[in-house]
Amino acid sequence: MLIINIKENESIDKALKRFKKKFEKTGVLRELRERTSFTKPSVKRRSEVIRAAYRQKTYGSDNA
């Protein structure tokens, strides 16, 4: 359960923004979306490899 303490003279908008940020960090929504459909382990592995190769290509080399 997320608890957001509202400070004195703090607007509801700012408190709601802090709540949304904390909620996003927990990853509940991401996990819920993952659980809606089943993906085979081989497909997951393949997508991870593709993602890692992209990251390596984009951020890995300092030769630019």
PDB file of N, CA and C in Angstrom:
ATOM      1  N   MET A   1       0.839  -1.167   0.000  1.00  0.00           N
ATOM      2  CA  MET A   1       0.000   0.000   0.000  1.00  0.00           C
ATOM      3  C   MET A   1       0.890   1.237   0.000  1.00  0.00           C
ATOM      4  N   LEU A   2       0.562   2.170  -0.860  1.00  0.00           N
ATOM      5  CA  LEU A   2       1.321   3.413  -0.936  1.00  0.00           C
ATOM      6  C   LEU A   2       0.718   4.438   0.009  1.00  0.00           C
ATOM      7  N   ILE A   3       1.585   5.096   0.735  1.00  0.00           N
ATOM      8  CA  ILE A   3       1.137   6.150   1.645  1.00  0.00           C
ATOM      9  C   ILE A   3       1.822   7.439   1.243  1.00  0.00           C
ATOM     10  N   ILE A   4       1.038   8.454   1.006  1.00  0.00           N
ATOM     11  CA  ILE A   4       1.548   9.769   0.631  1.00  0.00           C
ATOM     12  C   ILE A   4       1.140  10.742   1.728  1.00  0.00           C
ATOM     13  N   ASN A   5       2.112  11.298   2.402  1.00  0.00           N
ATOM     14  CA  ASN A   5       1.828  12.293   3.422  1.00  0.00           C
ATOM     15  C   ASN A   5       1.727  13.665   2.774  1.00  0.00           C
ATOM     16  N   ILE A   6       0.594  14.314   2.961  1.00  0.00           N
ATOM     17  CA  ILE A   6       0.393  15.635   2.381  1.00  0.00           C
ATOM     18  C   ILE A   6       0.933  16.670   3.359  1.00  0.00           C
ATOM     19  N   LYS A   7       1.830  17.503   2.856  1.00  0.00           N
ATOM     20  CA  LYS A   7       2.436  18.524   3.690  1.00  0.00           C
ATOM     21  C   LYS A   7       1.484  19.707   3.833  1.00  0.00           C
ATOM     22  N   GLU A   8       1.779  20.553   4.788  1.00  0.00           N
ATOM     23  CA  GLU A   8       0.951  21.746   4.986  1.00  0.00           C
ATOM     24  C   GLU A   8       1.038  22.658   3.779  1.00  0.00           C
ATOM     25  N   ASN A   9      -0.084  23.219   3.405  1.00  0.00           N
ATOM     26  CA  ASN A   9      -0.184  24.149   2.275  1.00  0.00           C
ATOM     27  C   ASN A   9       0.271  23.528   0.955  1.00  0.00           C
ATOM     28  N   GLU A  10       0.184  22.202   0.838  1.00  0.00           N
ATOM     29  CA  GLU A  10       0.546  21.541  -0.410  1.00  0.00           C
ATOM     30  C   GLU A  10      -0.727  21.286  -1.211  1.00  0.00           C
ATOM     31  N   SER A  11      -0.671  21.587  -2.491  1.00  0.00           N
ATOM     32  CA  SER A  11      -1.854  21.393  -3.314  1.00  0.00           C
ATOM     33  C   SER A  11      -2.076  19.910  -3.582  1.00  0.00           C
ATOM     34  N   ILE A  12      -3.303  19.584  -3.875  1.00  0.00           N
ATOM     35  CA  ILE A  12      -3.665  18.208  -4.181  1.00  0.00           C
ATOM     36  C   ILE A  12      -2.962  17.744  -5.451  1.00  0.00           C
ATOM     37  N   ASP A  13      -2.769  18.658  -6.389  1.00  0.00           N
ATOM     38  CA  ASP A  13      -2.115  18.299  -7.641  1.00  0.00           C
ATOM     39  C   ASP A  13      -0.695  17.790  -7.409  1.00  0.00           C
ATOM     40  N   LYS A  14       0.047  18.470  -6.545  1.00  0.00           N
ATOM     41  CA  LYS A  14       1.424  18.044  -6.262  1.00  0.00           C
ATOM     42  C   LYS A  14       1.438  16.696  -5.547  1.00  0.00           C
ATOM     43  N   ALA A  15       0.512  16.509  -4.611  1.00  0.00           N
ATOM     44  CA  ALA A  15       0.439  15.237  -3.895  1.00  0.00           C
ATOM     45  C   ALA A  15       0.068  14.110  -4.857  1.00  0.00           C
ATOM     46  N   LEU A  16      -0.849  14.383  -5.774  1.00  0.00           N
ATOM     47  CA  LEU A  16      -1.241  13.388  -6.761  1.00  0.00           C
ATOM     48  C   LEU A  16      -0.080  13.045  -7.686  1.00  0.00           C
ATOM     49  N   LYS A  17       0.711  14.051  -8.035  1.00  0.00           N
ATOM     50  CA  LYS A  17       1.884  13.827  -8.885  1.00  0.00           C
ATOM     51  C   LYS A  17       2.895  12.931  -8.167  1.00  0.00           C
ATOM     52  N   ARG A  18       3.112  13.166  -6.875  1.00  0.00           N
ATOM     53  CA  ARG A  18       4.026  12.327  -6.099  1.00  0.00           C
ATOM     54  C   ARG A  18       3.505  10.899  -6.016  1.00  0.00           C
ATOM     55  N   PHE A  19       2.171  10.763  -5.842  1.00  0.00           N
ATOM     56  CA  PHE A  19       1.566   9.434  -5.787  1.00  0.00           C
ATOM     57  C   PHE A  19       1.768   8.690  -7.104  1.00  0.00           C
ATOM     58  N   LYS A  20       1.532   9.369  -8.204  1.00  0.00           N
ATOM     59  CA  LYS A  20       1.685   8.743  -9.513  1.00  0.00           C
ATOM     60  C   LYS A  20       3.128   8.287  -9.736  1.00  0.00           C
ATOM     61  N   LYS A  21       4.082   9.114  -9.311  1.00  0.00           N
ATOM     62  CA  LYS A  21       5.493   8.777  -9.472  1.00  0.00           C
ATOM     63  C   LYS A  21       5.850   7.535  -8.649  1.00  0.00           C
ATOM     64  N   LYS A  22       5.379   7.478  -7.406  1.00  0.00           N
ATOM     65  CA  LYS A  22       5.641   6.321  -6.553  1.00  0.00           C
ATOM     66  C   LYS A  22       4.988   5.071  -7.128  1.00  0.00           C
ATOM     67  N   PHE A  23       3.766   5.228  -7.627  1.00  0.00           N
ATOM     68  CA  PHE A  23       3.035   4.101  -8.193  1.00  0.00           C
ATOM     69  C   PHE A  23       3.739   3.563  -9.424  1.00  0.00           C
ATOM     70  N   GLU A  24       4.270   4.449 -10.249  1.00  0.00           N
ATOM     71  CA  GLU A  24       4.994   4.039 -11.453  1.00  0.00           C
ATOM     72  C   GLU A  24       6.265   3.276 -11.077  1.00  0.00           C
ATOM     73  N   LYS A  25       6.939   3.703 -10.013  1.00  0.00           N
ATOM     74  CA  LYS A  25       8.176   3.040  -9.589  1.00  0.00           C
ATOM     75  C   LYS A  25       7.925   1.624  -9.085  1.00  0.00           C
ATOM     76  N   THR A  26       6.755   1.361  -8.518  1.00  0.00           N
ATOM     77  CA  THR A  26       6.476   0.021  -8.013  1.00  0.00           C
ATOM     78  C   THR A  26       6.345  -0.990  -9.135  1.00  0.00           C
ATOM     79  N   GLY A  27       5.924  -0.568 -10.321  1.00  0.00           N
ATOM     80  CA  GLY A  27       5.834  -1.457 -11.469  1.00  0.00           C
ATOM     81  C   GLY A  27       4.605  -2.340 -11.473  1.00  0.00           C
ATOM     82  N   VAL A  28       3.587  -1.975 -10.723  1.00  0.00           N
ATOM     83  CA  VAL A  28       2.372  -2.773 -10.635  1.00  0.00           C
ATOM     84  C   VAL A  28       1.660  -2.824 -11.979  1.00  0.00           C
ATOM     85  N   LEU A  29       1.514  -1.693 -12.620  1.00  0.00           N
ATOM     86  CA  LEU A  29       0.799  -1.629 -13.889  1.00  0.00           C
ATOM     87  C   LEU A  29       1.535  -2.393 -14.979  1.00  0.00           C
ATOM     88  N   ARG A  30       2.854  -2.283 -14.998  1.00  0.00           N
ATOM     89  CA  ARG A  30       3.670  -3.003 -15.980  1.00  0.00           C
ATOM     90  C   ARG A  30       3.502  -4.511 -15.811  1.00  0.00           C
ATOM     91  N   GLU A  31       3.527  -4.960 -14.555  1.00  0.00           N
ATOM     92  CA  GLU A  31       3.364  -6.381 -14.280  1.00  0.00           C
ATOM     93  C   GLU A  31       1.970  -6.853 -14.670  1.00  0.00           C
ATOM     94  N   LEU A  32       0.970  -6.037 -14.426  1.00  0.00           N
ATOM     95  CA  LEU A  32      -0.397  -6.389 -14.795  1.00  0.00           C
ATOM     96  C   LEU A  32      -0.528  -6.551 -16.303  1.00  0.00           C
ATOM     97  N   ARG A  33       0.080  -5.675 -17.058  1.00  0.00           N
ATOM     98  CA  ARG A  33       0.037  -5.775 -18.519  1.00  0.00           C
ATOM     99  C   ARG A  33       0.782  -7.009 -19.015  1.00  0.00           C
ATOM    100  N   GLU A  34       1.879  -7.348 -18.342  1.00  0.00           N
ATOM    101  CA  GLU A  34       2.626  -8.554 -18.726  1.00  0.00           C
ATOM    102  C   GLU A  34       1.803  -9.811 -18.477  1.00  0.00           C
ATOM    103  N   ARG A  35       1.042  -9.822 -17.409  1.00  0.00           N
ATOM    104  CA  ARG A  35       0.283 -11.015 -17.037  1.00  0.00           C
ATOM    105  C   ARG A  35      -0.983 -11.202 -17.870  1.00  0.00           C
ATOM    106  N   THR A  36      -1.405 -10.192 -18.606  1.00  0.00           N
ATOM    107  CA  THR A  36      -2.632 -10.344 -19.390  1.00  0.00           C
ATOM    108  C   THR A  36      -2.472 -11.351 -20.512  1.00  0.00           C
ATOM    109  N   SER A  37      -1.277 -11.441 -21.077  1.00  0.00           N
ATOM    110  CA  SER A  37      -1.064 -12.412 -22.151  1.00  0.00           C
ATOM    111  C   SER A  37       0.209 -13.196 -21.870  1.00  0.00           C
ATOM    112  N   PHE A  38       0.190 -14.465 -22.262  1.00  0.00           N
ATOM    113  CA  PHE A  38       1.338 -15.328 -22.039  1.00  0.00           C
ATOM    114  C   PHE A  38       2.311 -15.197 -23.197  1.00  0.00           C
ATOM    115  N   THR A  39       3.586 -15.024 -22.862  1.00  0.00           N
ATOM    116  CA  THR A  39       4.624 -15.039 -23.890  1.00  0.00           C
ATOM    117  C   THR A  39       5.578 -16.181 -23.567  1.00  0.00           C
ATOM    118  N   LYS A  40       5.930 -16.917 -24.591  1.00  0.00           N
ATOM    119  CA  LYS A  40       6.800 -18.064 -24.391  1.00  0.00           C
ATOM    120  C   LYS A  40       8.173 -17.594 -23.925  1.00  0.00           C
ATOM    121  N   PRO A  41       8.861 -18.410 -23.122  1.00  0.00           N
ATOM    122  CA  PRO A  41      10.190 -18.031 -22.638  1.00  0.00           C
ATOM    123  C   PRO A  41      11.178 -17.772 -23.773  1.00  0.00           C
ATOM    124  N   SER A  42      11.065 -18.518 -24.862  1.00  0.00           N
ATOM    125  CA  SER A  42      11.988 -18.311 -25.977  1.00  0.00           C
ATOM    126  C   SER A  42      11.769 -16.937 -26.616  1.00  0.00           C
ATOM    127  N   VAL A  43      10.530 -16.500 -26.669  1.00  0.00           N
ATOM    128  CA  VAL A  43      10.220 -15.192 -27.246  1.00  0.00           C
ATOM    129  C   VAL A  43      10.748 -14.085 -26.328  1.00  0.00           C
ATOM    130  N   LYS A  44      10.586 -14.286 -25.020  1.00  0.00           N
ATOM    131  CA  LYS A  44      11.114 -13.313 -24.057  1.00  0.00           C
ATOM    132  C   LYS A  44      12.628 -13.182 -24.193  1.00  0.00           C
ATOM    133  N   ARG A  45      13.293 -14.341 -24.272  1.00  0.00           N
ATOM    134  CA  ARG A  45      14.749 -14.354 -24.393  1.00  0.00           C
ATOM    135  C   ARG A  45      15.199 -13.652 -25.672  1.00  0.00           C
ATOM    136  N   ARG A  46      14.497 -13.946 -26.763  1.00  0.00           N
ATOM    137  CA  ARG A  46      14.846 -13.340 -28.043  1.00  0.00           C
ATOM    138  C   ARG A  46      14.701 -11.824 -27.986  1.00  0.00           C
ATOM    139  N   SER A  47      13.612 -11.351 -27.387  1.00  0.00           N
ATOM    140  CA  SER A  47      13.413  -9.894 -27.299  1.00  0.00           C
ATOM    141  C   SER A  47      14.466  -9.248 -26.392  1.00  0.00           C
ATOM    142  N   GLU A  48      14.870  -9.950 -25.322  1.00  0.00           N
ATOM    143  CA  GLU A  48      15.928  -9.422 -24.453  1.00  0.00           C
ATOM    144  C   GLU A  48      17.252  -9.313 -25.201  1.00  0.00           C
ATOM    145  N   VAL A  49      17.553 -10.319 -26.021  1.00  0.00           N
ATOM    146  CA  VAL A  49      18.800 -10.302 -26.790  1.00  0.00           C
ATOM    147  C   VAL A  49      18.783  -9.156 -27.792  1.00  0.00           C
ATOM    148  N   ILE A  50      17.657  -8.967 -28.456  1.00  0.00           N
ATOM    149  CA  ILE A  50      17.536  -7.873 -29.421  1.00  0.00           C
ATOM    150  C   ILE A  50      17.680  -6.530 -28.722  1.00  0.00           C
ATOM    151  N   ARG A  51      17.047  -6.394 -27.561  1.00  0.00           N
ATOM    152  CA  ARG A  51      17.123  -5.147 -26.795  1.00  0.00           C
ATOM    153  C   ARG A  51      18.557  -4.878 -26.333  1.00  0.00           C
ATOM    154  N   ALA A  52      19.244  -5.936 -25.878  1.00  0.00           N
ATOM    155  CA  ALA A  52      20.626  -5.784 -25.420  1.00  0.00           C
ATOM    156  C   ALA A  52      21.541  -5.391 -26.572  1.00  0.00           C
ATOM    157  N   ALA A  53      21.323  -5.984 -27.740  1.00  0.00           N
ATOM    158  CA  ALA A  53      22.145  -5.636 -28.905  1.00  0.00           C
ATOM    159  C   ALA A  53      21.925  -4.179 -29.301  1.00  0.00           C
ATOM    160  N   TYR A  54      20.678  -3.730 -29.238  1.00  0.00           N
ATOM    161  CA  TYR A  54      20.377  -2.329 -29.563  1.00  0.00           C
ATOM    162  C   TYR A  54      21.068  -1.392 -28.579  1.00  0.00           C
ATOM    163  N   ARG A  55      20.981  -1.737 -27.280  1.00  0.00           N
ATOM    164  CA  ARG A  55      21.631  -0.895 -26.268  1.00  0.00           C
ATOM    165  C   ARG A  55      23.140  -0.856 -26.470  1.00  0.00           C
ATOM    166  N   GLN A  56      23.710  -2.010 -26.762  1.00  0.00           N
ATOM    167  CA  GLN A  56      25.154  -2.083 -26.977  1.00  0.00           C
ATOM    168  C   GLN A  56      25.555  -1.237 -28.179  1.00  0.00           C
ATOM    169  N   LYS A  57      24.776  -1.324 -29.241  1.00  0.00           N
ATOM    170  CA  LYS A  57      25.063  -0.572 -30.450  1.00  0.00           C
ATOM    171  C   LYS A  57      24.914   0.931 -30.213  1.00  0.00           C
ATOM    172  N   THR A  58      23.890   1.308 -29.473  1.00  0.00           N
ATOM    173  CA  THR A  58      23.600   2.719 -29.249  1.00  0.00           C
ATOM    174  C   THR A  58      24.507   3.345 -28.207  1.00  0.00           C
ATOM    175  N   TYR A  59      24.631   2.700 -27.058  1.00  0.00           N
ATOM    176  CA  TYR A  59      25.329   3.319 -25.927  1.00  0.00           C
ATOM    177  C   TYR A  59      26.693   2.706 -25.643  1.00  0.00           C
ATOM    178  N   GLY A  60      26.972   1.530 -26.181  1.00  0.00           N
ATOM    179  CA  GLY A  60      28.149   0.780 -25.787  1.00  0.00           C
ATOM    180  C   GLY A  60      29.456   1.308 -26.318  1.00  0.00           C
ATOM    181  N   SER A  61      29.488   1.730 -27.563  1.00  0.00           N
ATOM    182  CA  SER A  61      30.769   2.128 -28.157  1.00  0.00           C
ATOM    183  C   SER A  61      30.998   3.631 -28.000  1.00  0.00           C
ATOM    184  N   ASP A  62      32.225   3.977 -27.662  1.00  0.00           N
ATOM    185  CA  ASP A  62      32.603   5.390 -27.529  1.00  0.00           C
ATOM    186  C   ASP A  62      33.465   5.844 -28.693  1.00  0.00           C
ATOM    187  N   ASN A  63      33.392   5.154 -29.803  1.00  0.00           N
ATOM    188  CA  ASN A  63      34.224   5.474 -30.971  1.00  0.00           C
ATOM    189  C   ASN A  63      33.674   6.619 -31.791  1.00  0.00           C
ATOM    190  N   ALA A  64      32.525   7.107 -31.476  1.00  0.00           N
ATOM    191  CA  ALA A  64      31.881   8.134 -32.284  1.00  0.00           C
ATOM    192  C   ALA A  64      32.497   9.481 -32.154  1.00  0.00           C
TER     193      ALA A  64
END
